[in-house]
C-alpha atoms as a PDB file:
ATOM      1  CA  GLY A   1      40.027 -74.568  -7.030  1.00  0.00           C
ATOM      2  CA  ALA A   2      39.338 -77.284  -9.595  1.00  0.00           C
ATOM      3  CA  GLY A   3      38.347 -76.044 -12.470  1.00  0.00           C
ATOM      4  CA  ARG A   4      39.774 -72.184 -12.863  1.00  0.00           C
ATOM      5  CA  LEU A   5      41.745 -70.615 -14.784  1.00  0.00           C
ATOM      6  CA  ASP A   6      44.963 -69.750 -13.342  1.00  0.00           C
ATOM      7  CA  ALA A   7      46.203 -66.025 -13.903  1.00  0.00           C
ATOM      8  CA  GLY A   8      48.364 -67.092 -17.379  1.00  0.00           C
ATOM      9  CA  GLN A   9      45.310 -68.751 -18.637  1.00  0.00           C
ATOM     10  CA  ALA A  10      43.499 -66.361 -17.838  1.00  0.00           C
ATOM     11  CA  ALA A  11      45.596 -63.483 -19.756  1.00  0.00           C
ATOM     12  CA  ASP A  12      45.258 -65.777 -22.751  1.00  0.00           C
ATOM     13  CA  VAL A  13      41.598 -65.939 -22.571  1.00  0.00           C
ATOM     14  CA  LEU A  14      40.898 -62.515 -21.819  1.00  0.00           C
ATOM     15  CA  ALA A  15      43.406 -60.775 -24.287  1.00  0.00           C
ATOM     16  CA  PRO A  16      41.509 -61.411 -27.190  1.00  0.00           C
ATOM     17  CA  LEU A  17      38.155 -60.534 -25.348  1.00  0.00           C
ATOM     18  CA  PHE A  18      40.480 -57.141 -24.350  1.00  0.00           C
ATOM     19  CA  THR A  19      41.496 -57.166 -28.062  1.00  0.00           C
ATOM     20  CA  ALA A  20      37.736 -57.229 -29.513  1.00  0.00           C
ATOM     21  CA  ARG A  21      36.468 -54.916 -26.722  1.00  0.00           C
ATOM     22  CA  SER A  22      38.714 -51.836 -28.006  1.00  0.00           C
ATOM     23  CA  GLN A  23      37.155 -52.438 -31.619  1.00  0.00           C
ATOM     24  CA  PRO A  24      33.851 -50.897 -32.127  1.00  0.00           C
ATOM     25  CA  PRO A  25      30.763 -51.370 -32.018  1.00  0.00           C
ATOM     26  CA  PRO A  26      31.110 -52.462 -28.255  1.00  0.00           C
ATOM     27  CA  LEU A  27      29.484 -55.700 -28.285  1.00  0.00           C
ATOM     28  CA  PRO A  28      27.706 -56.965 -25.213  1.00  0.00           C
ATOM     29  CA  GLU A  29      28.584 -60.789 -25.892  1.00  0.00           C
ATOM     30  CA  VAL A  30      31.936 -59.434 -24.951  1.00  0.00           C
ATOM     31  CA  TYR A  31      31.495 -57.653 -21.824  1.00  0.00           C
ATOM     32  CA  GLU A  32      29.619 -61.205 -21.170  1.00  0.00           C
ATOM     33  CA  LEU A  33      32.552 -63.218 -22.086  1.00  0.00           C
ATOM     34  CA  ILE A  34      35.106 -61.117 -19.983  1.00  0.00           C
ATOM     35  CA  ALA A  35      32.594 -61.451 -17.150  1.00  0.00           C
ATOM     36  CA  ASP A  36      32.586 -65.315 -17.538  1.00  0.00           C
ATOM     37  CA  VAL A  37      36.202 -65.431 -17.229  1.00  0.00           C
ATOM     38  CA  TRP A  38      36.305 -63.761 -13.615  1.00  0.00           C
ATOM     39  CA  SER A  39      34.057 -66.223 -12.549  1.00  0.00           C
ATOM     40  CA  HIS A  40      36.105 -68.874 -13.837  1.00  0.00           C
ATOM     41  CA  SER A  41      38.950 -67.445 -12.795  1.00  0.00           C
ATOM     42  CA  ALA A  42      41.241 -68.362  -9.233  1.00  0.00           C
ATOM     43  CA  VAL A  43      43.056 -65.121  -9.525  1.00  0.00           C
ATOM     44  CA  PRO A  44      40.451 -61.861  -8.371  1.00  0.00           C
ATOM     45  CA  PRO A  45      39.369 -59.407 -10.780  1.00  0.00           C
ATOM     46  CA  THR A  46      41.141 -56.142 -10.284  1.00  0.00           C
ATOM     47  CA  PRO A  47      39.431 -52.755  -9.593  1.00  0.00           C
ATOM     48  CA  GLY A  48      40.159 -51.968 -12.861  1.00  0.00           C
ATOM     49  CA  HIS A  49      38.864 -55.710 -14.589  1.00  0.00           C
ATOM     50  CA  LEU A  50      35.744 -54.811 -12.207  1.00  0.00           C
ATOM     51  CA  ALA A  51      35.588 -51.150 -14.116  1.00  0.00           C
ATOM     52  CA  VAL A  52      35.644 -53.203 -17.780  1.00  0.00           C
ATOM     53  CA  LEU A  53      32.444 -54.259 -16.471  1.00  0.00           C
ATOM     54  CA  SER A  54      30.832 -51.070 -15.080  1.00  0.00           C
ATOM     55  CA  GLU A  55      31.609 -49.905 -18.712  1.00  0.00           C
ATOM     56  CA  GLY A  56      29.663 -53.191 -20.326  1.00  0.00           C
ATOM     57  CA  VAL A  57      26.792 -52.594 -17.501  1.00  0.00           C
ATOM     58  CA  ALA A  58      26.682 -48.782 -18.606  1.00  0.00           C
ATOM     59  CA  LEU A  59      26.700 -49.343 -22.166  1.00  0.00           C
ATOM     60  CA  PHE A  60      24.423 -52.655 -22.585  1.00  0.00           C
ATOM     61  CA  PRO A  61      21.882 -51.241 -19.193  1.00  0.00           C
ATOM     62  CA  ARG A  62      18.805 -53.352 -20.392  1.00  0.00           C
ATOM     63  CA  ARG A  63      21.453 -56.385 -21.660  1.00  0.00           C
ATOM     64  CA  SER A  64      20.286 -58.066 -17.957  1.00  0.00           C
ATOM     65  CA  SER A  65      22.138 -61.332 -18.191  1.00  0.00           C
ATOM     66  CA  LEU A  66      25.441 -58.937 -18.404  1.00  0.00           C
ATOM     67  CA  VAL A  67      24.081 -57.271 -15.697  1.00  0.00           C
ATOM     68  CA  GLN A  68      23.277 -60.604 -13.640  1.00  0.00           C
ATOM     69  CA  ARG A  69      26.924 -61.423 -14.199  1.00  0.00           C
ATOM     70  CA  ALA A  70      28.255 -57.804 -13.286  1.00  0.00           C
ATOM     71  CA  ALA A  71      26.316 -58.168 -10.141  1.00  0.00           C
ATOM     72  CA  ALA A  72      27.357 -61.726  -9.112  1.00  0.00           C
ATOM     73  CA  LEU A  73      31.375 -60.741  -9.367  1.00  0.00           C
ATOM     74  CA  PHE A  74      30.658 -57.336  -7.899  1.00  0.00           C
ATOM     75  CA  LEU A  75      29.359 -59.406  -4.582  1.00  0.00           C
ATOM     76  CA  GLU A  76      31.504 -61.879  -4.773  1.00  0.00           C
ATOM     77  CA  HIS A  77      34.430 -59.491  -4.464  1.00  0.00           C
ATOM     78  CA  GLY A  78      33.340 -57.328  -1.801  1.00  0.00           C
ATOM     79  CA  HIS A  79      31.792 -54.492  -3.938  1.00  0.00           C
ATOM     80  CA  VAL A  80      28.447 -54.783  -2.367  1.00  0.00           C
ATOM     81  CA  ALA A  81      27.131 -50.751  -2.980  1.00  0.00           C
ATOM     82  CA  GLU A  82      27.616 -51.477  -6.716  1.00  0.00           C
ATOM     83  CA  ALA A  83      26.667 -55.234  -7.012  1.00  0.00           C
ATOM     84  CA  ALA A  84      23.361 -53.545  -4.937  1.00  0.00           C
ATOM     85  CA  ALA A  85      22.815 -51.292  -7.635  1.00  0.00           C
ATOM     86  CA  PHE A  86      23.268 -53.544 -10.382  1.00  0.00           C
ATOM     87  CA  ILE A  87      20.697 -55.941  -8.964  1.00  0.00           C
ATOM     88  CA  ASP A  88      18.261 -53.077  -8.504  1.00  0.00           C
ATOM     89  CA  LEU A  89      19.128 -52.334 -12.442  1.00  0.00           C
ATOM     90  CA  GLY A  90      18.408 -55.938 -13.002  1.00  0.00           C
ATOM     91  CA  LEU A  91      15.066 -56.239 -11.195  1.00  0.00           C
ATOM     92  CA  ARG A  92      13.887 -53.093 -13.241  1.00  0.00           C
ATOM     93  CA  ILE A  93      14.906 -54.093 -17.006  1.00  0.00           C
ATOM     94  CA  THR A  94      13.744 -57.965 -16.562  1.00  0.00           C
ATOM     95  CA  ALA A  95      10.096 -59.184 -16.977  1.00  0.00           C
ATOM     96  CA  ASP A  96      11.413 -62.857 -16.941  1.00  0.00           C
ATOM     97  CA  ASP A  97      10.978 -65.061 -14.048  1.00  0.00           C
ATOM     98  CA  ALA A  98      14.019 -66.801 -14.032  1.00  0.00           C
ATOM     99  CA  GLU A  99      15.801 -63.802 -14.492  1.00  0.00           C
ATOM    100  CA  ARG A 100      14.322 -62.036 -11.682  1.00  0.00           C
ATOM    101  CA  ALA A 101      14.804 -65.015  -9.011  1.00  0.00           C
ATOM    102  CA  ARG A 102      18.418 -65.044 -10.088  1.00  0.00           C
ATOM    103  CA  PHE A 103      18.540 -61.408  -9.031  1.00  0.00           C
ATOM    104  CA  THR A 104      16.322 -61.931  -6.211  1.00  0.00           C
ATOM    105  CA  ALA A 105      18.650 -64.866  -4.985  1.00  0.00           C
ATOM    106  CA  LEU A 106      21.753 -62.123  -5.742  1.00  0.00           C
ATOM    107  CA  GLN A 107      19.790 -59.731  -3.395  1.00  0.00           C
ATOM    108  CA  SER A 108      19.124 -61.999  -0.242  1.00  0.00           C
ATOM    109  CA  ARG A 109      22.849 -62.850  -0.832  1.00  0.00           C
ATOM    110  CA  LEU A 110      23.821 -58.911   0.066  1.00  0.00           C
ATOM    111  CA  PRO A 111      24.641 -57.954   3.328  1.00  0.00           C
ATOM    112  CA  ALA A 112      21.732 -56.473   5.297  1.00  0.00           C
ATOM    113  CA  VAL A 113      22.718 -53.024   6.392  1.00  0.00           C
ATOM    114  CA  ARG A 114      22.817 -51.380   2.999  1.00  0.00           C
ATOM    115  CA  PRO A 115      24.336 -48.395   2.295  1.00  0.00           C
ATOM    116  CA  ASP A 116      22.602 -44.897   1.821  1.00  0.00           C
ATOM    117  CA  LYS A 117      21.907 -44.329  -1.165  1.00  0.00           C
END
């Protein structure tokens, strides 16, 4: 689509982010930028790339901006159970009305049938 990064552009932007991710200390901003790249990429993230975002949420579970980006990407790419778990987490951790509204909007896009937890 228009304004989307092609595979080469996405790789060029991700390379330094993955380098940063491999160096201590882990920074939530790095994971947020990785999520942003995928949300603007014409190529879908692989399961391995999505696992990086799960890693970020596991490291920074109270960072609602990261949790929200991860939830949106997992939902967009059909990983409903993970998206639902991130949305539940986000609704538990955020007291900010605007952020809650973003999680509620994502929640409304979940399929009606929720998998048993």
